[in-house]
Amino acid sequence: MNPELETRLRALVAHLLEENQKFNLTGIKDPNDAWTKHVLDSLEGLDTELFDESQSVVDVGTGAGFPGLVLALARPQLSVSFLEATRKKCTFIEATAAKFEIKRARIINERAEDAGQSDRYRASFDVATARAVGSFAEVAELCLPLVRVGGSVALWRGENAEAEAQNAEEALDDLGGFLRDVRPYELPGLPTRYHMVTIEKVNDTPRDFPRRSGIPKQKPLA
C-alpha cells in the first residue's frame, strides 16, 4: 500500500468513527479494529484482480460503505454503486464520497431484491460485491441478477466458505453462476480464517430471481 493511499484510508476510518457516534453505522468502535476489519479486509478483494481495470461495481448491502469505499479509493477508475436499504447509511456514504472526492460513486437506496428486478440495474454491472451479508445462497441470489453475463461476483466469507460454496453449487447453476475460486486469507491479530469467493456469471439469471423482499433470507436456495 502506498503512503498516500494509507493516509486516505486512515482518514476514512477516523471519519467513520466520528460519524458513528452520531449515526450508529458500525458496531466497531476501536480505530485499530476498524482498520483491520473494515479496511484491510476490504483490500483483500484487490487480489482477485477483478478491480484492476475500469469496471462498474455494485456493492450489495454496503452498510457503512465497505468494501465499496475502500475499493473506490484504492482504484479511482472504478464506477461504484452503493446499494443499501437504510437511508441514514446512504446519507453517510454520499457525504463521505463527496468529502473524499470519489467522483464515480452512485447511491442506490433500495432493497437488493427490488434492484435486481429493476430494468435500470439488472444485468448492468461488471462486478457485484458483498461483505458480511447473509448466507451464501442468499447473497448469490441478490448479487448474480445485477451482473451481466461474463461479469463476476466477489464475496467476502468466513471460515465455512468452502462448505457453503459446495452446498450452493446447484443454486449457483440455477442463478447462472459458476464458482471460480475460494481463496483463504487471514487478517492480522485475528484467529479466524476468512475466504474470498469469486463467482463468474456464465448464463442469464432467470427472471424468477431474485425473489421478492425477504424470501431469499427466509428460504435460501441452499
Foldseek 3Di string as FASTA:
>chain_A
DDPVLVVLVLVVLVLVLVCCVVVVQDPDNDSVCCCQVAQVLQCVVVVVVQLVDAWEEEEAQCRLNPPNVNSCSVRLSYQYEYEHQDPVSLVNVVVVCVVSVSPRYHYHNDHLQVQLLDPVQFQPTQEYEYEPDAAPLLVLLSGLRRHHQQHKYKYKFWQCVVVSCVVCCVSCVQQQKDWDDWAWDDTPPDPTIITITMIHRHDHGPSCTPPDPPCCRVPGPD
